[in-house]
Amino acid sequence: MEAALSAVSEKCGTEFKNFQHCVAANRDNWEEVCRPQKADFAKCTSENMQFMDLVREGCFLEIRQYERCLKENRTEPTLCEEKRKQVLDCGDTVIRNNQEDSENTP
């Protein structure tokens, strides 16, 4: 999941920074003043959420195994570190494959 969030952040970094700068410069009335920047950021993340969907679909088994491990080891979640790593590795692979497919599609 971190890989998907990182990909969205990478794709929407400019929109996020614009929104952040606007909020910082307009602390008293940012909700009004920064609507366009907020809308741009929301639109960008919405358009790029396919990464999250791809990871959820492509890593379903790994995610389920990690969730099961956490439930079984509530008092010692560190025992699930290997499962967590498998989810992150899977997410990276899914995103990388999707990006490669996108680059190779005319």
PDB file of N, CA and C in Angstrom:
ATOM      1  N   MET A   1       0.808  -1.196   0.000  1.00  0.00           N
ATOM      2  CA  MET A   1       0.000   0.000   0.000  1.00  0.00           C
ATOM      3  C   MET A   1       0.854   1.264   0.000  1.00  0.00           C
ATOM      4  N   GLU A   2       1.976   1.192   0.697  1.00  0.00           N
ATOM      5  CA  GLU A   2       2.842   2.354   0.716  1.00  0.00           C
ATOM      6  C   GLU A   2       3.326   2.694  -0.684  1.00  0.00           C
ATOM      7  N   ALA A   3       3.549   1.668  -1.492  1.00  0.00           N
ATOM      8  CA  ALA A   3       4.001   1.895  -2.852  1.00  0.00           C
ATOM      9  C   ALA A   3       2.933   2.626  -3.655  1.00  0.00           C
ATOM     10  N   ALA A   4       1.680   2.251  -3.474  1.00  0.00           N
ATOM     11  CA  ALA A   4       0.600   2.921  -4.189  1.00  0.00           C
ATOM     12  C   ALA A   4       0.470   4.367  -3.743  1.00  0.00           C
ATOM     13  N   LEU A   5       0.553   4.584  -2.453  1.00  0.00           N
ATOM     14  CA  LEU A   5       0.474   5.955  -1.951  1.00  0.00           C
ATOM     15  C   LEU A   5       1.645   6.784  -2.459  1.00  0.00           C
ATOM     16  N   SER A   6       2.797   6.168  -2.514  1.00  0.00           N
ATOM     17  CA  SER A   6       3.965   6.858  -3.031  1.00  0.00           C
ATOM     18  C   SER A   6       3.773   7.222  -4.496  1.00  0.00           C
ATOM     19  N   ALA A   7       3.189   6.316  -5.260  1.00  0.00           N
ATOM     20  CA  ALA A   7       2.937   6.585  -6.682  1.00  0.00           C
ATOM     21  C   ALA A   7       1.955   7.732  -6.857  1.00  0.00           C
ATOM     22  N   VAL A   8       0.902   7.753  -6.050  1.00  0.00           N
ATOM     23  CA  VAL A   8      -0.066   8.851  -6.128  1.00  0.00           C
ATOM     24  C   VAL A   8       0.615  10.149  -5.730  1.00  0.00           C
ATOM     25  N   SER A   9       1.422  10.099  -4.690  1.00  0.00           N
ATOM     26  CA  SER A   9       2.149  11.283  -4.241  1.00  0.00           C
ATOM     27  C   SER A   9       3.075  11.787  -5.347  1.00  0.00           C
ATOM     28  N   GLU A  10       3.721  10.851  -6.020  1.00  0.00           N
ATOM     29  CA  GLU A  10       4.627  11.217  -7.101  1.00  0.00           C
ATOM     30  C   GLU A  10       3.858  11.896  -8.234  1.00  0.00           C
ATOM     31  N   LYS A  11       2.713  11.354  -8.573  1.00  0.00           N
ATOM     32  CA  LYS A  11       1.932  11.894  -9.678  1.00  0.00           C
ATOM     33  C   LYS A  11       1.241  13.210  -9.325  1.00  0.00           C
ATOM     34  N   CYS A  12       0.950  13.421  -8.034  1.00  0.00           N
ATOM     35  CA  CYS A  12       0.189  14.605  -7.617  1.00  0.00           C
ATOM     36  C   CYS A  12       1.000  15.531  -6.726  1.00  0.00           C
ATOM     37  N   GLY A  13       2.315  15.391  -6.770  1.00  0.00           N
ATOM     38  CA  GLY A  13       3.174  16.197  -5.909  1.00  0.00           C
ATOM     39  C   GLY A  13       2.995  17.692  -6.099  1.00  0.00           C
ATOM     40  N   THR A  14       2.879  18.136  -7.336  1.00  0.00           N
ATOM     41  CA  THR A  14       2.722  19.567  -7.616  1.00  0.00           C
ATOM     42  C   THR A  14       1.411  20.085  -7.045  1.00  0.00           C
ATOM     43  N   GLU A  15       0.338  19.337  -7.263  1.00  0.00           N
ATOM     44  CA  GLU A  15      -0.967  19.754  -6.746  1.00  0.00           C
ATOM     45  C   GLU A  15      -0.963  19.797  -5.212  1.00  0.00           C
ATOM     46  N   PHE A  16      -0.310  18.815  -4.603  1.00  0.00           N
ATOM     47  CA  PHE A  16      -0.239  18.782  -3.149  1.00  0.00           C
ATOM     48  C   PHE A  16       0.562  19.972  -2.616  1.00  0.00           C
ATOM     49  N   LYS A  17       1.696  20.252  -3.234  1.00  0.00           N
ATOM     50  CA  LYS A  17       2.523  21.388  -2.800  1.00  0.00           C
ATOM     51  C   LYS A  17       1.773  22.706  -2.977  1.00  0.00           C
ATOM     52  N   ASN A  18       1.078  22.858  -4.087  1.00  0.00           N
ATOM     53  CA  ASN A  18       0.299  24.086  -4.311  1.00  0.00           C
ATOM     54  C   ASN A  18      -0.752  24.270  -3.220  1.00  0.00           C
ATOM     55  N   PHE A  19      -1.427  23.199  -2.876  1.00  0.00           N
ATOM     56  CA  PHE A  19      -2.440  23.252  -1.828  1.00  0.00           C
ATOM     57  C   PHE A  19      -1.792  23.586  -0.483  1.00  0.00           C
ATOM     58  N   GLN A  20      -0.684  22.922  -0.166  1.00  0.00           N
ATOM     59  CA  GLN A  20       0.030  23.180   1.092  1.00  0.00           C
ATOM     60  C   GLN A  20       0.462  24.637   1.201  1.00  0.00           C
ATOM     61  N   HIS A  21       1.042  25.168   0.138  1.00  0.00           N
ATOM     62  CA  HIS A  21       1.510  26.559   0.144  1.00  0.00           C
ATOM     63  C   HIS A  21       0.348  27.526   0.320  1.00  0.00           C
ATOM     64  N   CYS A  22      -0.746  27.251  -0.326  1.00  0.00           N
ATOM     65  CA  CYS A  22      -1.917  28.103  -0.204  1.00  0.00           C
ATOM     66  C   CYS A  22      -2.434  28.107   1.234  1.00  0.00           C
ATOM     67  N   VAL A  23      -2.519  26.931   1.834  1.00  0.00           N
ATOM     68  CA  VAL A  23      -2.993  26.830   3.218  1.00  0.00           C
ATOM     69  C   VAL A  23      -2.054  27.595   4.152  1.00  0.00           C
ATOM     70  N   ALA A  24      -0.748  27.412   3.960  1.00  0.00           N
ATOM     71  CA  ALA A  24       0.231  28.098   4.818  1.00  0.00           C
ATOM     72  C   ALA A  24       0.145  29.614   4.681  1.00  0.00           C
ATOM     73  N   ALA A  25      -0.141  30.090   3.477  1.00  0.00           N
ATOM     74  CA  ALA A  25      -0.199  31.528   3.240  1.00  0.00           C
ATOM     75  C   ALA A  25      -1.540  32.144   3.638  1.00  0.00           C
ATOM     76  N   ASN A  26      -2.543  31.309   3.863  1.00  0.00           N
ATOM     77  CA  ASN A  26      -3.891  31.804   4.163  1.00  0.00           C
ATOM     78  C   ASN A  26      -4.487  31.071   5.365  1.00  0.00           C
ATOM     79  N   ARG A  27      -3.778  31.055   6.455  1.00  0.00           N
ATOM     80  CA  ARG A  27      -4.191  30.273   7.624  1.00  0.00           C
ATOM     81  C   ARG A  27      -5.569  30.647   8.148  1.00  0.00           C
ATOM     82  N   ASP A  28      -5.941  31.886   8.052  1.00  0.00           N
ATOM     83  CA  ASP A  28      -7.222  32.330   8.603  1.00  0.00           C
ATOM     84  C   ASP A  28      -8.419  31.996   7.723  1.00  0.00           C
ATOM     85  N   ASN A  29      -8.208  31.939   6.430  1.00  0.00           N
ATOM     86  CA  ASN A  29      -9.339  31.701   5.524  1.00  0.00           C
ATOM     87  C   ASN A  29      -8.987  30.737   4.396  1.00  0.00           C
ATOM     88  N   TRP A  30      -8.127  29.771   4.684  1.00  0.00           N
ATOM     89  CA  TRP A  30      -7.660  28.866   3.648  1.00  0.00           C
ATOM     90  C   TRP A  30      -8.787  28.054   3.026  1.00  0.00           C
ATOM     91  N   GLU A  31      -9.802  27.707   3.832  1.00  0.00           N
ATOM     92  CA  GLU A  31     -10.885  26.881   3.291  1.00  0.00           C
ATOM     93  C   GLU A  31     -11.579  27.568   2.114  1.00  0.00           C
ATOM     94  N   GLU A  32     -11.689  28.875   2.186  1.00  0.00           N
ATOM     95  CA  GLU A  32     -12.313  29.657   1.109  1.00  0.00           C
ATOM     96  C   GLU A  32     -11.319  29.906  -0.026  1.00  0.00           C
ATOM     97  N   VAL A  33     -10.156  30.411   0.331  1.00  0.00           N
ATOM     98  CA  VAL A  33      -9.168  30.855  -0.653  1.00  0.00           C
ATOM     99  C   VAL A  33      -8.566  29.694  -1.450  1.00  0.00           C
ATOM    100  N   CYS A  34      -8.381  28.559  -0.801  1.00  0.00           N
ATOM    101  CA  CYS A  34      -7.644  27.458  -1.427  1.00  0.00           C
ATOM    102  C   CYS A  34      -8.535  26.407  -2.080  1.00  0.00           C
ATOM    103  N   ARG A  35      -9.779  26.719  -2.296  1.00  0.00           N
ATOM    104  CA  ARG A  35     -10.676  25.744  -2.931  1.00  0.00           C
ATOM    105  C   ARG A  35     -10.161  25.242  -4.275  1.00  0.00           C
ATOM    106  N   PRO A  36      -9.661  26.131  -5.138  1.00  0.00           N
ATOM    107  CA  PRO A  36      -9.172  25.629  -6.432  1.00  0.00           C
ATOM    108  C   PRO A  36      -7.998  24.649  -6.283  1.00  0.00           C
ATOM    109  N   GLN A  37      -7.072  24.942  -5.382  1.00  0.00           N
ATOM    110  CA  GLN A  37      -5.934  24.065  -5.168  1.00  0.00           C
ATOM    111  C   GLN A  37      -6.380  22.737  -4.555  1.00  0.00           C
ATOM    112  N   LYS A  38      -7.323  22.805  -3.640  1.00  0.00           N
ATOM    113  CA  LYS A  38      -7.847  21.587  -3.025  1.00  0.00           C
ATOM    114  C   LYS A  38      -8.544  20.730  -4.084  1.00  0.00           C
ATOM    115  N   ALA A  39      -9.308  21.374  -4.946  1.00  0.00           N
ATOM    116  CA  ALA A  39     -10.018  20.659  -6.011  1.00  0.00           C
ATOM    117  C   ALA A  39      -9.036  20.022  -6.989  1.00  0.00           C
ATOM    118  N   ASP A  40      -7.966  20.742  -7.328  1.00  0.00           N
ATOM    119  CA  ASP A  40      -6.954  20.189  -8.236  1.00  0.00           C
ATOM    120  C   ASP A  40      -6.291  18.956  -7.630  1.00  0.00           C
ATOM    121  N   PHE A  41      -5.967  19.036  -6.337  1.00  0.00           N
ATOM    122  CA  PHE A  41      -5.339  17.901  -5.666  1.00  0.00           C
ATOM    123  C   PHE A  41      -6.301  16.713  -5.595  1.00  0.00           C
ATOM    124  N   ALA A  42      -7.553  16.979  -5.245  1.00  0.00           N
ATOM    125  CA  ALA A  42      -8.555  15.913  -5.155  1.00  0.00           C
ATOM    126  C   ALA A  42      -8.763  15.249  -6.517  1.00  0.00           C
ATOM    127  N   LYS A  43      -8.802  16.039  -7.564  1.00  0.00           N
ATOM    128  CA  LYS A  43      -8.988  15.499  -8.912  1.00  0.00           C
ATOM    129  C   LYS A  43      -7.802  14.611  -9.297  1.00  0.00           C
ATOM    130  N   CYS A  44      -6.613  15.088  -9.016  1.00  0.00           N
ATOM    131  CA  CYS A  44      -5.416  14.316  -9.364  1.00  0.00           C
ATOM    132  C   CYS A  44      -5.391  12.988  -8.615  1.00  0.00           C
ATOM    133  N   THR A  45      -5.654  13.012  -7.314  1.00  0.00           N
ATOM    134  CA  THR A  45      -5.616  11.759  -6.557  1.00  0.00           C
ATOM    135  C   THR A  45      -6.717  10.818  -7.011  1.00  0.00           C
ATOM    136  N   SER A  46      -7.864  11.382  -7.335  1.00  0.00           N
ATOM    137  CA  SER A  46      -8.966  10.550  -7.811  1.00  0.00           C
ATOM    138  C   SER A  46      -8.593   9.855  -9.121  1.00  0.00           C
ATOM    139  N   GLU A  47      -7.973  10.590 -10.003  1.00  0.00           N
ATOM    140  CA  GLU A  47      -7.576  10.025 -11.294  1.00  0.00           C
ATOM    141  C   GLU A  47      -6.477   8.978 -11.144  1.00  0.00           C
ATOM    142  N   ASN A  48      -5.721   9.044 -10.079  1.00  0.00           N
ATOM    143  CA  ASN A  48      -4.596   8.128  -9.893  1.00  0.00           C
ATOM    144  C   ASN A  48      -4.878   7.030  -8.880  1.00  0.00           C
ATOM    145  N   MET A  49      -6.100   6.917  -8.411  1.00  0.00           N
ATOM    146  CA  MET A  49      -6.431   5.882  -7.438  1.00  0.00           C
ATOM    147  C   MET A  49      -6.447   4.490  -8.055  1.00  0.00           C
ATOM    148  N   GLN A  50      -6.350   4.393  -9.364  1.00  0.00           N
ATOM    149  CA  GLN A  50      -6.305   3.075  -9.974  1.00  0.00           C
ATOM    150  C   GLN A  50      -5.131   2.271  -9.427  1.00  0.00           C
ATOM    151  N   PHE A  51      -4.089   2.964  -8.985  1.00  0.00           N
ATOM    152  CA  PHE A  51      -2.963   2.260  -8.387  1.00  0.00           C
ATOM    153  C   PHE A  51      -3.404   1.500  -7.139  1.00  0.00           C
ATOM    154  N   MET A  52      -4.214   2.152  -6.316  1.00  0.00           N
ATOM    155  CA  MET A  52      -4.709   1.496  -5.106  1.00  0.00           C
ATOM    156  C   MET A  52      -5.560   0.289  -5.484  1.00  0.00           C
ATOM    157  N   ASP A  53      -6.420   0.460  -6.463  1.00  0.00           N
ATOM    158  CA  ASP A  53      -7.269  -0.654  -6.899  1.00  0.00           C
ATOM    159  C   ASP A  53      -6.422  -1.796  -7.460  1.00  0.00           C
ATOM    160  N   LEU A  54      -5.409  -1.448  -8.239  1.00  0.00           N
ATOM    161  CA  LEU A  54      -4.528  -2.470  -8.808  1.00  0.00           C
ATOM    162  C   LEU A  54      -3.805  -3.246  -7.720  1.00  0.00           C
ATOM    163  N   VAL A  55      -3.341  -2.547  -6.702  1.00  0.00           N
ATOM    164  CA  VAL A  55      -2.640  -3.222  -5.607  1.00  0.00           C
ATOM    165  C   VAL A  55      -3.604  -4.116  -4.835  1.00  0.00           C
ATOM    166  N   ARG A  56      -4.784  -3.611  -4.545  1.00  0.00           N
ATOM    167  CA  ARG A  56      -5.762  -4.429  -3.817  1.00  0.00           C
ATOM    168  C   ARG A  56      -6.107  -5.694  -4.599  1.00  0.00           C
ATOM    169  N   GLU A  57      -6.256  -5.568  -5.896  1.00  0.00           N
ATOM    170  CA  GLU A  57      -6.584  -6.734  -6.722  1.00  0.00           C
ATOM    171  C   GLU A  57      -5.382  -7.659  -6.894  1.00  0.00           C
ATOM    172  N   GLY A  58      -4.238  -7.080  -7.232  1.00  0.00           N
ATOM    173  CA  GLY A  58      -3.059  -7.882  -7.525  1.00  0.00           C
ATOM    174  C   GLY A  58      -2.405  -8.506  -6.307  1.00  0.00           C
ATOM    175  N   CYS A  59      -2.659  -7.950  -5.145  1.00  0.00           N
ATOM    176  CA  CYS A  59      -2.015  -8.432  -3.914  1.00  0.00           C
ATOM    177  C   CYS A  59      -3.036  -8.931  -2.904  1.00  0.00           C
ATOM    178  N   PHE A  60      -4.176  -9.350  -3.391  1.00  0.00           N
ATOM    179  CA  PHE A  60      -5.259  -9.773  -2.496  1.00  0.00           C
ATOM    180  C   PHE A  60      -4.796 -10.844  -1.508  1.00  0.00           C
ATOM    181  N   LEU A  61      -4.134 -11.860  -2.008  1.00  0.00           N
ATOM    182  CA  LEU A  61      -3.694 -12.966  -1.158  1.00  0.00           C
ATOM    183  C   LEU A  61      -2.713 -12.480  -0.086  1.00  0.00           C
ATOM    184  N   GLU A  62      -1.733 -11.678  -0.491  1.00  0.00           N
ATOM    185  CA  GLU A  62      -0.737 -11.173   0.455  1.00  0.00           C
ATOM    186  C   GLU A  62      -1.384 -10.287   1.524  1.00  0.00           C
ATOM    187  N   ILE A  63      -2.322  -9.465   1.103  1.00  0.00           N
ATOM    188  CA  ILE A  63      -3.013  -8.587   2.049  1.00  0.00           C
ATOM    189  C   ILE A  63      -3.815  -9.413   3.042  1.00  0.00           C
ATOM    190  N   ARG A  64      -4.519 -10.411   2.559  1.00  0.00           N
ATOM    191  CA  ARG A  64      -5.326 -11.272   3.447  1.00  0.00           C
ATOM    192  C   ARG A  64      -4.435 -12.018   4.440  1.00  0.00           C
ATOM    193  N   GLN A  65      -3.301 -12.519   3.970  1.00  0.00           N
ATOM    194  CA  GLN A  65      -2.393 -13.238   4.863  1.00  0.00           C
ATOM    195  C   GLN A  65      -1.838 -12.307   5.944  1.00  0.00           C
ATOM    196  N   TYR A  66      -1.534 -11.088   5.571  1.00  0.00           N
ATOM    197  CA  TYR A  66      -1.025 -10.113   6.536  1.00  0.00           C
ATOM    198  C   TYR A  66      -2.110  -9.762   7.556  1.00  0.00           C
ATOM    199  N   GLU A  67      -3.321  -9.517   7.081  1.00  0.00           N
ATOM    200  CA  GLU A  67      -4.425  -9.217   7.995  1.00  0.00           C
ATOM    201  C   GLU A  67      -4.670 -10.384   8.956  1.00  0.00           C
ATOM    202  N   ARG A  68      -4.639 -11.600   8.444  1.00  0.00           N
ATOM    203  CA  ARG A  68      -4.834 -12.782   9.288  1.00  0.00           C
ATOM    204  C   ARG A  68      -3.732 -12.870  10.339  1.00  0.00           C
ATOM    205  N   CYS A  69      -2.508 -12.627   9.931  1.00  0.00           N
ATOM    206  CA  CYS A  69      -1.380 -12.666  10.860  1.00  0.00           C
ATOM    207  C   CYS A  69      -1.571 -11.621  11.961  1.00  0.00           C
ATOM    208  N   LEU A  70      -1.984 -10.430  11.600  1.00  0.00           N
ATOM    209  CA  LEU A  70      -2.195  -9.390  12.610  1.00  0.00           C
ATOM    210  C   LEU A  70      -3.283  -9.783  13.603  1.00  0.00           C
ATOM    211  N   LYS A  71      -4.349 -10.386  13.100  1.00  0.00           N
ATOM    212  CA  LYS A  71      -5.421 -10.827  13.993  1.00  0.00           C
ATOM    213  C   LYS A  71      -4.950 -11.922  14.938  1.00  0.00           C
ATOM    214  N   GLU A  72      -4.141 -12.817  14.426  1.00  0.00           N
ATOM    215  CA  GLU A  72      -3.652 -13.932  15.233  1.00  0.00           C
ATOM    216  C   GLU A  72      -2.551 -13.510  16.206  1.00  0.00           C
ATOM    217  N   ASN A  73      -1.928 -12.378  15.956  1.00  0.00           N
ATOM    218  CA  ASN A  73      -0.798 -11.916  16.777  1.00  0.00           C
ATOM    219  C   ASN A  73      -1.014 -10.489  17.268  1.00  0.00           C
ATOM    220  N   ARG A  74      -2.195 -10.232  17.771  1.00  0.00           N
ATOM    221  CA  ARG A  74      -2.542  -8.871  18.201  1.00  0.00           C
ATOM    222  C   ARG A  74      -1.572  -8.307  19.217  1.00  0.00           C
ATOM    223  N   THR A  75      -1.077  -9.132  20.096  1.00  0.00           N
ATOM    224  CA  THR A  75      -0.167  -8.629  21.124  1.00  0.00           C
ATOM    225  C   THR A  75       1.276  -8.547  20.649  1.00  0.00           C
ATOM    226  N   GLU A  76       1.579  -9.191  19.529  1.00  0.00           N
ATOM    227  CA  GLU A  76       2.933  -9.163  18.978  1.00  0.00           C
ATOM    228  C   GLU A  76       2.898  -8.978  17.456  1.00  0.00           C
ATOM    229  N   PRO A  77       2.450  -7.810  16.993  1.00  0.00           N
ATOM    230  CA  PRO A  77       2.344  -7.595  15.546  1.00  0.00           C
ATOM    231  C   PRO A  77       3.679  -7.644  14.810  1.00  0.00           C
ATOM    232  N   THR A  78       4.768  -7.507  15.548  1.00  0.00           N
ATOM    233  CA  THR A  78       6.080  -7.593  14.894  1.00  0.00           C
ATOM    234  C   THR A  78       6.333  -8.974  14.299  1.00  0.00           C
ATOM    235  N   LEU A  79       5.589  -9.975  14.763  1.00  0.00           N
ATOM    236  CA  LEU A  79       5.716 -11.312  14.182  1.00  0.00           C
ATOM    237  C   LEU A  79       5.232 -11.342  12.736  1.00  0.00           C
ATOM    238  N   CYS A  80       4.523 -10.308  12.315  1.00  0.00           N
ATOM    239  CA  CYS A  80       3.953 -10.250  10.958  1.00  0.00           C
ATOM    240  C   CYS A  80       4.793  -9.411  10.009  1.00  0.00           C
ATOM    241  N   GLU A  81       5.970  -9.045  10.423  1.00  0.00           N
ATOM    242  CA  GLU A  81       6.798  -8.165   9.595  1.00  0.00           C
ATOM    243  C   GLU A  81       7.083  -8.769   8.220  1.00  0.00           C
ATOM    244  N   GLU A  82       7.320 -10.074   8.164  1.00  0.00           N
ATOM    245  CA  GLU A  82       7.590 -10.709   6.874  1.00  0.00           C
ATOM    246  C   GLU A  82       6.365 -10.623   5.961  1.00  0.00           C
ATOM    247  N   LYS A  83       5.184 -10.799   6.528  1.00  0.00           N
ATOM    248  CA  LYS A  83       3.937 -10.691   5.737  1.00  0.00           C
ATOM    249  C   LYS A  83       3.759  -9.256   5.231  1.00  0.00           C
ATOM    250  N   ARG A  84       4.078  -8.278   6.094  1.00  0.00           N
ATOM    251  CA  ARG A  84       3.964  -6.869   5.688  1.00  0.00           C
ATOM    252  C   ARG A  84       4.908  -6.583   4.531  1.00  0.00           C
ATOM    253  N   LYS A  85       6.122  -7.104   4.629  1.00  0.00           N
ATOM    254  CA  LYS A  85       7.100  -6.911   3.558  1.00  0.00           C
ATOM    255  C   LYS A  85       6.605  -7.542   2.253  1.00  0.00           C
ATOM    256  N   GLN A  86       5.950  -8.685   2.349  1.00  0.00           N
ATOM    257  CA  GLN A  86       5.410  -9.332   1.152  1.00  0.00           C
ATOM    258  C   GLN A  86       4.337  -8.461   0.492  1.00  0.00           C
ATOM    259  N   VAL A  87       3.508  -7.807   1.302  1.00  0.00           N
ATOM    260  CA  VAL A  87       2.478  -6.906   0.761  1.00  0.00           C
ATOM    261  C   VAL A  87       3.148  -5.740   0.042  1.00  0.00           C
ATOM    262  N   LEU A  88       4.131  -5.124   0.685  1.00  0.00           N
ATOM    263  CA  LEU A  88       4.810  -3.981   0.076  1.00  0.00           C
ATOM    264  C   LEU A  88       5.553  -4.377  -1.190  1.00  0.00           C
ATOM    265  N   ASP A  89       6.217  -5.516  -1.167  1.00  0.00           N
ATOM    266  CA  ASP A  89       6.917  -5.989  -2.366  1.00  0.00           C
ATOM    267  C   ASP A  89       5.935  -6.261  -3.502  1.00  0.00           C
ATOM    268  N   CYS A  90       4.816  -6.874  -3.156  1.00  0.00           N
ATOM    269  CA  CYS A  90       3.791  -7.147  -4.158  1.00  0.00           C
ATOM    270  C   CYS A  90       3.269  -5.840  -4.753  1.00  0.00           C
ATOM    271  N   GLY A  91       2.986  -4.877  -3.885  1.00  0.00           N
ATOM    272  CA  GLY A  91       2.501  -3.573  -4.358  1.00  0.00           C
ATOM    273  C   GLY A  91       3.483  -2.911  -5.302  1.00  0.00           C
ATOM    274  N   ASP A  92       4.755  -2.962  -4.946  1.00  0.00           N
ATOM    275  CA  ASP A  92       5.785  -2.390  -5.819  1.00  0.00           C
ATOM    276  C   ASP A  92       5.781  -3.081  -7.181  1.00  0.00           C
ATOM    277  N   THR A  93       5.659  -4.405  -7.173  1.00  0.00           N
ATOM    278  CA  THR A  93       5.662  -5.171  -8.420  1.00  0.00           C
ATOM    279  C   THR A  93       4.449  -4.817  -9.276  1.00  0.00           C
ATOM    280  N   VAL A  94       3.275  -4.751  -8.645  1.00  0.00           N
ATOM    281  CA  VAL A  94       2.050  -4.428  -9.383  1.00  0.00           C
ATOM    282  C   VAL A  94       2.157  -3.049 -10.015  1.00  0.00           C
ATOM    283  N   ILE A  95       2.631  -2.085  -9.259  1.00  0.00           N
ATOM    284  CA  ILE A  95       2.742  -0.718  -9.779  1.00  0.00           C
ATOM    285  C   ILE A  95       3.788  -0.650 -10.882  1.00  0.00           C
ATOM    286  N   ARG A  96       4.923  -1.275 -10.663  1.00  0.00           N
ATOM    287  CA  ARG A  96       5.974  -1.274 -11.678  1.00  0.00           C
ATOM    288  C   ARG A  96       5.478  -1.909 -12.971  1.00  0.00           C
ATOM    289  N   ASN A  97       4.785  -3.045 -12.868  1.00  0.00           N
ATOM    290  CA  ASN A  97       4.246  -3.707 -14.059  1.00  0.00           C
ATOM    291  C   ASN A  97       3.220  -2.832 -14.759  1.00  0.00           C
ATOM    292  N   ASN A  98       2.384  -2.148 -13.984  1.00  0.00           N
ATOM    293  CA  ASN A  98       1.377  -1.274 -14.580  1.00  0.00           C
ATOM    294  C   ASN A  98       2.034  -0.100 -15.292  1.00  0.00           C
ATOM    295  N   GLN A  99       3.068   0.461 -14.683  1.00  0.00           N
ATOM    296  CA  GLN A  99       3.764   1.582 -15.309  1.00  0.00           C
ATOM    297  C   GLN A  99       4.456   1.142 -16.586  1.00  0.00           C
ATOM    298  N   GLU A 100       5.045  -0.043 -16.570  1.00  0.00           N
ATOM    299  CA  GLU A 100       5.702  -0.564 -17.770  1.00  0.00           C
ATOM    300  C   GLU A 100       4.672  -0.808 -18.876  1.00  0.00           C
ATOM    301  N   ASP A 101       3.508  -1.355 -18.500  1.00  0.00           N
ATOM    302  CA  ASP A 101       2.446  -1.570 -19.486  1.00  0.00           C
ATOM    303  C   ASP A 101       1.978  -0.252 -20.084  1.00  0.00           C
ATOM    304  N   SER A 102       1.854   0.768 -19.232  1.00  0.00           N
ATOM    305  CA  SER A 102       1.418   2.085 -19.703  1.00  0.00           C
ATOM    306  C   SER A 102       2.417   2.694 -20.659  1.00  0.00           C
ATOM    307  N   GLU A 103       3.690   2.514 -20.351  1.00  0.00           N
ATOM    308  CA  GLU A 103       4.749   3.073 -21.220  1.00  0.00           C
ATOM    309  C   GLU A 103       4.824   2.342 -22.541  1.00  0.00           C
ATOM    310  N   ASN A 104       4.462   1.081 -22.583  1.00  0.00           N
ATOM    311  CA  ASN A 104       4.550   0.285 -23.802  1.00  0.00           C
ATOM    312  C   ASN A 104       3.283   0.321 -24.629  1.00  0.00           C
ATOM    313  N   THR A 105       2.236   0.966 -24.105  1.00  0.00           N
ATOM    314  CA  THR A 105       0.982   1.064 -24.839  1.00  0.00           C
ATOM    315  C   THR A 105       1.019   2.316 -25.709  1.00  0.00           C
ATOM    316  N   PRO A 106       0.817   2.153 -27.018  1.00  0.00           N
ATOM    317  CA  PRO A 106       0.884   3.327 -27.924  1.00  0.00           C
ATOM    318  C   PRO A 106      -0.274   4.274 -27.722  1.00  0.00           C
TER     319      PRO A 106
END
